[in-house]
């Protein structure tokens, strides 16, 4: 399976898990600019789950809306892969997100678990080390309140 991973669902380009993780990491260095590339790593009907979002989003359009809401609240949001591991059709990526929250730089750890089927990423579940750190920090100052409003409205 390692040489049969879909690197871009729009073009059908294939490679290894290492290639997929490199593309993931490269795109998360500037995710606002690379949103369509991030979405291109995922199946058209991908299921997305995260502790900070509604219970489940399905499909790239829902993913696009979720990412855009995150970028509305945290315009400088980035992610950096620390390490990863794959087995069979499952890929784990440990990463650190960074964004300005309530006027200060904040970083938090995350693990994404991707499930692949026929080489495509069909499901992503995010596991934050502490999913409340961003919200607690934002609530401490008025600039953070505005970020939370933008995040919830996606504007």
N, C-alpha and C. Protein backbone atom coordinates (compact mmCIF):
# COMPACT_ATOMS: atom_id res chain seq x y z
N UNK A 1 0.82 -1.20 0.00
CA UNK A 1 0.00 0.00 0.00
C UNK A 1 0.86 1.26 0.00
N UNK A 2 2.08 1.22 0.52
CA UNK A 2 2.86 2.43 0.73
C UNK A 2 3.19 3.17 -0.56
N UNK A 3 3.24 2.53 -1.72
CA UNK A 3 3.52 3.21 -2.97
C UNK A 3 2.26 3.55 -3.74
N UNK A 4 1.12 3.34 -3.13
CA UNK A 4 -0.14 3.50 -3.83
C UNK A 4 -1.07 4.49 -3.12
N UNK A 5 -0.52 5.54 -2.57
CA UNK A 5 -1.29 6.55 -1.86
C UNK A 5 -1.59 7.70 -2.82
N UNK A 6 -2.81 8.18 -2.81
CA UNK A 6 -3.20 9.28 -3.69
C UNK A 6 -2.72 10.59 -3.08
N UNK A 7 -1.82 11.25 -3.80
CA UNK A 7 -1.24 12.52 -3.34
C UNK A 7 -2.09 13.71 -3.75
N UNK A 8 -2.87 13.55 -4.80
CA UNK A 8 -3.74 14.63 -5.27
C UNK A 8 -4.96 13.99 -5.92
N UNK A 9 -6.09 14.06 -5.24
CA UNK A 9 -7.30 13.41 -5.75
C UNK A 9 -7.83 14.10 -7.01
N UNK A 10 -7.38 15.32 -7.27
CA UNK A 10 -7.83 16.04 -8.47
C UNK A 10 -7.10 15.55 -9.71
N UNK A 11 -5.82 15.13 -9.54
CA UNK A 11 -5.02 14.69 -10.69
C UNK A 11 -4.79 13.19 -10.71
N UNK A 12 -4.98 12.53 -9.55
CA UNK A 12 -4.72 11.10 -9.47
C UNK A 12 -3.27 10.76 -9.19
N UNK A 13 -2.42 11.77 -8.98
CA UNK A 13 -1.00 11.54 -8.69
C UNK A 13 -0.87 10.65 -7.46
N UNK A 14 0.06 9.69 -7.54
CA UNK A 14 0.24 8.73 -6.46
C UNK A 14 1.67 8.72 -5.97
N UNK A 15 1.84 8.24 -4.75
CA UNK A 15 3.16 8.12 -4.16
C UNK A 15 3.06 7.30 -2.89
N UNK A 16 3.98 7.56 -1.98
CA UNK A 16 4.05 6.82 -0.72
C UNK A 16 3.43 7.63 0.41
N UNK A 17 3.31 6.99 1.57
CA UNK A 17 2.87 7.73 2.76
C UNK A 17 3.84 8.87 3.04
N UNK A 18 5.15 8.63 2.88
CA UNK A 18 6.15 9.68 3.12
C UNK A 18 5.90 10.87 2.19
N UNK A 19 5.56 10.61 0.94
CA UNK A 19 5.25 11.70 0.00
C UNK A 19 4.00 12.45 0.44
N UNK A 20 2.98 11.72 0.90
CA UNK A 20 1.72 12.34 1.34
C UNK A 20 1.98 13.24 2.55
N UNK A 21 2.76 12.73 3.53
CA UNK A 21 3.06 13.51 4.73
C UNK A 21 3.87 14.75 4.36
N UNK A 22 4.79 14.64 3.43
CA UNK A 22 5.57 15.81 3.01
C UNK A 22 4.64 16.86 2.39
N UNK A 23 3.72 16.44 1.53
CA UNK A 23 2.77 17.39 0.93
C UNK A 23 1.89 18.01 2.02
N UNK A 24 1.42 17.21 2.95
CA UNK A 24 0.61 17.69 4.07
C UNK A 24 1.38 18.76 4.85
N UNK A 25 2.61 18.45 5.21
CA UNK A 25 3.43 19.37 6.00
C UNK A 25 3.75 20.64 5.21
N UNK A 26 4.14 20.50 3.96
CA UNK A 26 4.44 21.67 3.12
C UNK A 26 3.22 22.60 3.03
N UNK A 27 2.05 22.03 2.85
CA UNK A 27 0.84 22.84 2.72
C UNK A 27 0.43 23.50 4.03
N UNK A 28 0.69 22.85 5.16
CA UNK A 28 0.33 23.44 6.44
C UNK A 28 1.28 24.56 6.86
N UNK A 29 2.39 24.75 6.15
CA UNK A 29 3.27 25.89 6.43
C UNK A 29 2.57 27.20 6.07
N UNK A 30 1.67 27.16 5.11
CA UNK A 30 0.88 28.33 4.69
C UNK A 30 -0.51 27.83 4.27
N UNK A 31 -1.32 27.37 5.24
CA UNK A 31 -2.56 26.67 4.90
C UNK A 31 -3.63 27.53 4.22
N UNK A 32 -3.70 28.79 4.53
CA UNK A 32 -4.69 29.65 3.86
C UNK A 32 -4.44 29.67 2.36
N UNK A 33 -3.17 29.85 2.00
CA UNK A 33 -2.79 29.90 0.59
C UNK A 33 -2.88 28.53 -0.08
N UNK A 34 -2.74 27.48 0.71
CA UNK A 34 -2.70 26.12 0.17
C UNK A 34 -3.94 25.30 0.48
N UNK A 35 -5.05 25.96 0.80
CA UNK A 35 -6.26 25.24 1.20
C UNK A 35 -6.69 24.22 0.15
N UNK A 36 -6.70 24.59 -1.11
CA UNK A 36 -7.15 23.65 -2.14
C UNK A 36 -6.19 22.46 -2.26
N UNK A 37 -4.92 22.69 -2.01
CA UNK A 37 -3.95 21.57 -2.03
C UNK A 37 -4.18 20.64 -0.84
N UNK A 38 -4.49 21.23 0.32
CA UNK A 38 -4.80 20.40 1.49
C UNK A 38 -6.04 19.56 1.19
N UNK A 39 -7.07 20.19 0.65
CA UNK A 39 -8.29 19.45 0.32
C UNK A 39 -8.04 18.41 -0.75
N UNK A 40 -7.11 18.67 -1.67
CA UNK A 40 -6.77 17.71 -2.72
C UNK A 40 -6.14 16.44 -2.19
N UNK A 41 -5.62 16.48 -0.96
CA UNK A 41 -5.07 15.28 -0.33
C UNK A 41 -6.17 14.34 0.16
N UNK A 42 -7.39 14.86 0.24
CA UNK A 42 -8.50 14.13 0.85
C UNK A 42 -9.51 13.64 -0.18
N UNK A 43 -10.15 12.54 0.11
CA UNK A 43 -11.22 12.01 -0.73
C UNK A 43 -12.34 13.03 -0.87
N UNK A 44 -13.03 13.01 -1.97
CA UNK A 44 -14.17 13.92 -2.20
C UNK A 44 -15.21 13.79 -1.09
N UNK A 45 -15.37 12.59 -0.56
CA UNK A 45 -16.40 12.31 0.44
C UNK A 45 -15.79 12.11 1.84
N UNK A 46 -14.66 12.75 2.10
CA UNK A 46 -13.93 12.56 3.36
C UNK A 46 -14.82 12.89 4.56
N UNK A 47 -14.61 12.15 5.64
CA UNK A 47 -15.27 12.42 6.92
C UNK A 47 -14.24 13.08 7.81
N UNK A 48 -14.59 14.25 8.36
CA UNK A 48 -13.67 15.02 9.20
C UNK A 48 -14.26 15.17 10.59
N UNK A 49 -13.46 14.82 11.60
CA UNK A 49 -13.90 14.94 12.99
C UNK A 49 -12.81 15.67 13.77
N UNK A 50 -13.24 16.62 14.61
CA UNK A 50 -12.31 17.36 15.46
C UNK A 50 -13.04 17.81 16.72
N UNK A 51 -12.32 17.92 17.83
CA UNK A 51 -12.98 18.28 19.09
C UNK A 51 -13.51 19.72 19.11
N UNK A 52 -13.04 20.57 18.22
CA UNK A 52 -13.47 21.98 18.23
C UNK A 52 -14.56 22.27 17.22
N UNK A 53 -15.01 21.27 16.49
CA UNK A 53 -16.00 21.46 15.43
C UNK A 53 -17.24 20.62 15.73
N UNK A 54 -18.30 20.79 14.93
CA UNK A 54 -19.47 19.91 15.10
C UNK A 54 -19.03 18.45 15.01
N UNK A 55 -19.87 17.54 15.47
CA UNK A 55 -19.46 16.14 15.58
C UNK A 55 -18.81 15.55 14.34
N UNK A 56 -19.27 15.93 13.16
CA UNK A 56 -18.70 15.35 11.96
C UNK A 56 -19.00 16.23 10.77
N UNK A 57 -18.03 16.37 9.90
CA UNK A 57 -18.23 17.02 8.61
C UNK A 57 -17.97 15.98 7.54
N UNK A 58 -18.74 16.02 6.47
CA UNK A 58 -18.53 15.07 5.38
C UNK A 58 -18.34 15.84 4.08
N UNK A 59 -17.28 15.48 3.39
CA UNK A 59 -17.01 16.03 2.07
C UNK A 59 -16.07 17.22 2.09
N UNK A 60 -15.45 17.45 0.93
CA UNK A 60 -14.50 18.55 0.82
C UNK A 60 -15.15 19.91 1.02
N UNK A 61 -16.39 20.09 0.57
CA UNK A 61 -17.05 21.39 0.74
C UNK A 61 -17.20 21.70 2.24
N UNK A 62 -17.59 20.72 3.04
CA UNK A 62 -17.69 20.93 4.48
C UNK A 62 -16.31 21.18 5.08
N UNK A 63 -15.31 20.47 4.59
CA UNK A 63 -13.94 20.70 5.04
C UNK A 63 -13.48 22.11 4.72
N UNK A 64 -13.79 22.57 3.52
CA UNK A 64 -13.43 23.93 3.12
C UNK A 64 -14.05 24.95 4.07
N UNK A 65 -15.33 24.77 4.38
CA UNK A 65 -16.01 25.70 5.30
C UNK A 65 -15.37 25.67 6.69
N UNK A 66 -15.03 24.48 7.18
CA UNK A 66 -14.41 24.36 8.50
C UNK A 66 -13.04 25.03 8.52
N UNK A 67 -12.25 24.81 7.47
CA UNK A 67 -10.93 25.45 7.41
C UNK A 67 -11.08 26.96 7.30
N UNK A 68 -12.00 27.42 6.50
CA UNK A 68 -12.20 28.87 6.34
C UNK A 68 -12.64 29.51 7.65
N UNK A 69 -13.47 28.82 8.42
CA UNK A 69 -13.87 29.33 9.74
C UNK A 69 -12.65 29.42 10.65
N UNK A 70 -11.79 28.39 10.62
CA UNK A 70 -10.59 28.41 11.44
C UNK A 70 -9.68 29.58 11.04
N UNK A 71 -9.54 29.82 9.74
CA UNK A 71 -8.69 30.91 9.27
C UNK A 71 -9.30 32.27 9.56
N UNK A 72 -10.63 32.36 9.61
CA UNK A 72 -11.28 33.62 9.97
C UNK A 72 -10.96 33.97 11.42
N UNK A 73 -10.95 32.98 12.28
CA UNK A 73 -10.64 33.21 13.68
C UNK A 73 -9.15 33.36 13.95
N UNK A 74 -8.36 32.61 13.20
CA UNK A 74 -6.91 32.57 13.41
C UNK A 74 -6.20 32.72 12.07
N UNK A 75 -6.11 33.94 11.55
CA UNK A 75 -5.56 34.15 10.21
C UNK A 75 -4.13 33.66 10.02
N UNK A 76 -3.35 33.61 11.10
CA UNK A 76 -1.95 33.18 10.96
C UNK A 76 -1.74 31.72 11.38
N UNK A 77 -2.80 30.94 11.43
CA UNK A 77 -2.72 29.52 11.82
C UNK A 77 -1.79 28.76 10.88
N UNK A 78 -0.85 28.02 11.47
CA UNK A 78 0.03 27.13 10.71
C UNK A 78 0.16 25.82 11.47
N UNK A 79 0.69 24.81 10.79
CA UNK A 79 0.95 23.53 11.42
C UNK A 79 2.28 22.99 10.97
N UNK A 80 2.95 22.25 11.85
CA UNK A 80 4.24 21.65 11.53
C UNK A 80 4.27 20.21 12.03
N UNK A 81 4.56 19.30 11.12
CA UNK A 81 4.65 17.88 11.47
C UNK A 81 5.88 17.64 12.34
N UNK A 82 5.68 16.90 13.43
CA UNK A 82 6.79 16.51 14.31
C UNK A 82 7.27 15.10 13.96
N UNK A 83 6.32 14.21 13.79
CA UNK A 83 6.64 12.82 13.41
C UNK A 83 5.37 12.15 12.92
N UNK A 84 5.53 11.01 12.26
CA UNK A 84 4.38 10.29 11.73
C UNK A 84 4.68 8.80 11.70
N UNK A 85 3.60 8.01 11.58
CA UNK A 85 3.73 6.56 11.47
C UNK A 85 2.53 6.04 10.69
N UNK A 86 2.77 5.01 9.90
CA UNK A 86 1.70 4.40 9.11
C UNK A 86 1.75 2.89 9.27
N UNK A 87 0.56 2.29 9.24
CA UNK A 87 0.44 0.85 9.28
C UNK A 87 -0.81 0.46 8.51
N UNK A 88 -0.66 -0.37 7.52
CA UNK A 88 -1.81 -0.77 6.71
C UNK A 88 -2.45 0.43 6.05
N UNK A 89 -3.70 0.69 6.38
CA UNK A 89 -4.43 1.81 5.78
C UNK A 89 -4.61 2.98 6.75
N UNK A 90 -3.79 3.02 7.81
CA UNK A 90 -3.91 4.07 8.82
C UNK A 90 -2.61 4.86 8.88
N UNK A 91 -2.76 6.18 8.97
CA UNK A 91 -1.63 7.10 9.08
C UNK A 91 -1.87 8.02 10.28
N UNK A 92 -0.87 8.12 11.15
CA UNK A 92 -0.91 9.06 12.26
C UNK A 92 0.11 10.15 12.02
N UNK A 93 -0.31 11.41 12.20
CA UNK A 93 0.61 12.54 12.08
C UNK A 93 0.54 13.33 13.38
N UNK A 94 1.67 13.45 14.06
CA UNK A 94 1.76 14.30 15.23
C UNK A 94 2.26 15.65 14.76
N UNK A 95 1.56 16.70 15.13
CA UNK A 95 1.91 18.03 14.65
C UNK A 95 1.69 19.06 15.74
N UNK A 96 2.23 20.24 15.50
CA UNK A 96 2.02 21.38 16.38
C UNK A 96 1.39 22.49 15.58
N UNK A 97 0.25 22.98 16.06
CA UNK A 97 -0.38 24.17 15.47
C UNK A 97 0.14 25.39 16.20
N UNK A 98 0.23 26.50 15.46
CA UNK A 98 0.62 27.79 16.05
C UNK A 98 -0.29 28.86 15.47
N UNK A 99 -0.74 29.78 16.33
CA UNK A 99 -1.56 30.91 15.89
C UNK A 99 -1.49 31.99 16.96
N UNK A 100 -1.81 33.21 16.57
CA UNK A 100 -1.95 34.29 17.53
C UNK A 100 -3.37 34.20 18.10
N UNK A 101 -3.44 34.08 19.41
CA UNK A 101 -4.73 33.94 20.10
C UNK A 101 -4.76 34.98 21.22
N UNK A 102 -5.76 35.85 21.16
CA UNK A 102 -5.88 36.87 22.19
C UNK A 102 -4.64 37.75 22.29
N UNK A 103 -3.98 37.98 21.16
CA UNK A 103 -2.83 38.88 21.13
C UNK A 103 -1.49 38.24 21.45
N UNK A 104 -1.48 36.92 21.68
CA UNK A 104 -0.19 36.27 21.94
C UNK A 104 -0.05 34.99 21.13
N UNK A 105 1.19 34.66 20.77
CA UNK A 105 1.46 33.42 20.03
C UNK A 105 1.18 32.24 20.94
N UNK A 106 0.47 31.27 20.39
CA UNK A 106 0.11 30.08 21.15
C UNK A 106 0.37 28.86 20.27
N UNK A 107 0.91 27.82 20.86
CA UNK A 107 1.12 26.55 20.15
C UNK A 107 0.43 25.44 20.93
N UNK A 108 -0.10 24.47 20.19
CA UNK A 108 -0.72 23.31 20.82
C UNK A 108 -0.51 22.09 19.93
N UNK A 109 -0.40 20.96 20.60
CA UNK A 109 -0.13 19.71 19.89
C UNK A 109 -1.42 19.03 19.46
N UNK A 110 -1.30 18.27 18.40
CA UNK A 110 -2.43 17.59 17.79
C UNK A 110 -1.92 16.29 17.16
N UNK A 111 -2.76 15.31 17.14
CA UNK A 111 -2.50 14.10 16.36
C UNK A 111 -3.68 13.89 15.44
N UNK A 112 -3.40 13.79 14.15
CA UNK A 112 -4.42 13.46 13.16
C UNK A 112 -4.29 11.98 12.82
N UNK A 113 -5.42 11.29 12.84
CA UNK A 113 -5.45 9.90 12.40
C UNK A 113 -6.22 9.86 11.09
N UNK A 114 -5.56 9.43 10.02
CA UNK A 114 -6.18 9.32 8.70
C UNK A 114 -6.41 7.86 8.39
N UNK A 115 -7.58 7.57 7.86
CA UNK A 115 -7.90 6.24 7.36
C UNK A 115 -7.92 6.31 5.84
N UNK A 116 -7.22 5.41 5.19
CA UNK A 116 -7.14 5.37 3.73
C UNK A 116 -7.91 4.18 3.20
N UNK A 117 -8.54 4.35 2.07
CA UNK A 117 -9.20 3.27 1.36
C UNK A 117 -8.88 3.45 -0.11
N UNK A 118 -8.40 2.39 -0.74
CA UNK A 118 -7.98 2.45 -2.14
C UNK A 118 -7.00 3.60 -2.37
N UNK A 119 -6.16 3.86 -1.38
CA UNK A 119 -5.13 4.89 -1.49
C UNK A 119 -5.58 6.30 -1.17
N UNK A 120 -6.88 6.52 -0.96
CA UNK A 120 -7.39 7.87 -0.68
C UNK A 120 -7.68 8.04 0.82
N UNK A 121 -7.40 9.25 1.33
CA UNK A 121 -7.71 9.58 2.71
C UNK A 121 -9.22 9.81 2.82
N UNK A 122 -9.92 8.86 3.45
CA UNK A 122 -11.39 8.93 3.52
C UNK A 122 -11.90 9.43 4.87
N UNK A 123 -11.02 9.46 5.88
CA UNK A 123 -11.45 9.93 7.20
C UNK A 123 -10.26 10.54 7.92
N UNK A 124 -10.54 11.65 8.64
CA UNK A 124 -9.54 12.26 9.51
C UNK A 124 -10.19 12.56 10.85
N UNK A 125 -9.54 12.09 11.90
CA UNK A 125 -9.97 12.43 13.25
C UNK A 125 -8.80 13.15 13.91
N UNK A 126 -9.07 14.34 14.45
CA UNK A 126 -8.06 15.12 15.15
C UNK A 126 -8.17 14.87 16.64
N UNK A 127 -7.03 14.67 17.28
CA UNK A 127 -6.97 14.48 18.72
C UNK A 127 -6.04 15.55 19.27
N UNK A 128 -6.58 16.55 19.96
CA UNK A 128 -5.75 17.59 20.57
C UNK A 128 -5.31 17.12 21.94
N UNK A 129 -4.10 17.51 22.31
CA UNK A 129 -3.61 17.21 23.65
C UNK A 129 -4.52 17.89 24.68
N UNK A 130 -4.87 19.14 24.43
CA UNK A 130 -5.77 19.88 25.30
C UNK A 130 -6.61 20.79 24.41
N UNK A 131 -7.80 20.35 24.08
CA UNK A 131 -8.63 21.09 23.13
C UNK A 131 -9.17 22.40 23.69
N UNK A 132 -9.01 22.63 24.99
CA UNK A 132 -9.54 23.87 25.57
C UNK A 132 -8.51 24.99 25.63
N UNK A 133 -7.25 24.72 25.39
CA UNK A 133 -6.21 25.73 25.55
C UNK A 133 -6.46 26.97 24.69
N UNK A 134 -6.89 26.77 23.46
CA UNK A 134 -7.15 27.89 22.56
C UNK A 134 -8.30 28.73 23.09
N UNK A 135 -9.38 28.09 23.50
CA UNK A 135 -10.56 28.81 23.96
C UNK A 135 -10.31 29.53 25.29
N UNK A 136 -9.61 28.88 26.20
CA UNK A 136 -9.28 29.54 27.47
C UNK A 136 -8.42 30.78 27.23
N UNK A 137 -7.44 30.67 26.35
CA UNK A 137 -6.57 31.80 26.05
C UNK A 137 -7.35 32.92 25.38
N UNK A 138 -8.21 32.58 24.44
CA UNK A 138 -8.98 33.60 23.71
C UNK A 138 -9.94 34.34 24.64
N UNK A 139 -10.52 33.64 25.59
CA UNK A 139 -11.50 34.28 26.49
C UNK A 139 -10.88 35.26 27.47
N UNK A 140 -9.57 35.24 27.59
CA UNK A 140 -8.90 36.09 28.58
C UNK A 140 -8.75 37.54 28.14
N UNK A 141 -9.03 37.86 26.87
CA UNK A 141 -8.87 39.24 26.45
C UNK A 141 -9.80 39.57 25.29
N UNK A 142 -10.20 40.82 25.17
CA UNK A 142 -11.20 41.21 24.15
C UNK A 142 -10.80 40.87 22.71
N UNK A 143 -9.51 40.94 22.39
CA UNK A 143 -9.10 40.54 21.03
C UNK A 143 -9.44 39.08 20.78
N UNK A 144 -9.28 38.27 21.80
CA UNK A 144 -9.61 36.85 21.68
C UNK A 144 -11.10 36.61 21.53
N UNK A 145 -11.92 37.46 22.17
CA UNK A 145 -13.37 37.31 22.03
C UNK A 145 -13.78 37.47 20.57
N UNK A 146 -13.19 38.47 19.91
CA UNK A 146 -13.49 38.69 18.49
C UNK A 146 -13.06 37.49 17.66
N UNK A 147 -11.94 36.91 17.99
CA UNK A 147 -11.48 35.71 17.27
C UNK A 147 -12.48 34.57 17.42
N UNK A 148 -13.01 34.39 18.61
CA UNK A 148 -13.99 33.31 18.83
C UNK A 148 -15.27 33.56 18.05
N UNK A 149 -15.69 34.82 17.97
CA UNK A 149 -16.87 35.15 17.16
C UNK A 149 -16.60 34.83 15.70
N UNK A 150 -15.45 35.26 15.19
CA UNK A 150 -15.09 34.96 13.79
C UNK A 150 -15.02 33.47 13.55
N UNK A 151 -14.45 32.74 14.48
CA UNK A 151 -14.35 31.29 14.36
C UNK A 151 -15.73 30.65 14.28
N UNK A 152 -16.64 31.08 15.15
CA UNK A 152 -17.97 30.47 15.16
C UNK A 152 -18.79 30.87 13.95
N UNK A 153 -18.60 32.09 13.45
CA UNK A 153 -19.36 32.56 12.27
C UNK A 153 -18.66 32.20 10.96
N UNK A 154 -17.35 31.93 11.04
CA UNK A 154 -16.60 31.64 9.82
C UNK A 154 -16.36 32.86 8.98
N UNK A 155 -16.37 34.07 9.59
CA UNK A 155 -16.18 35.31 8.84
C UNK A 155 -15.11 36.16 9.47
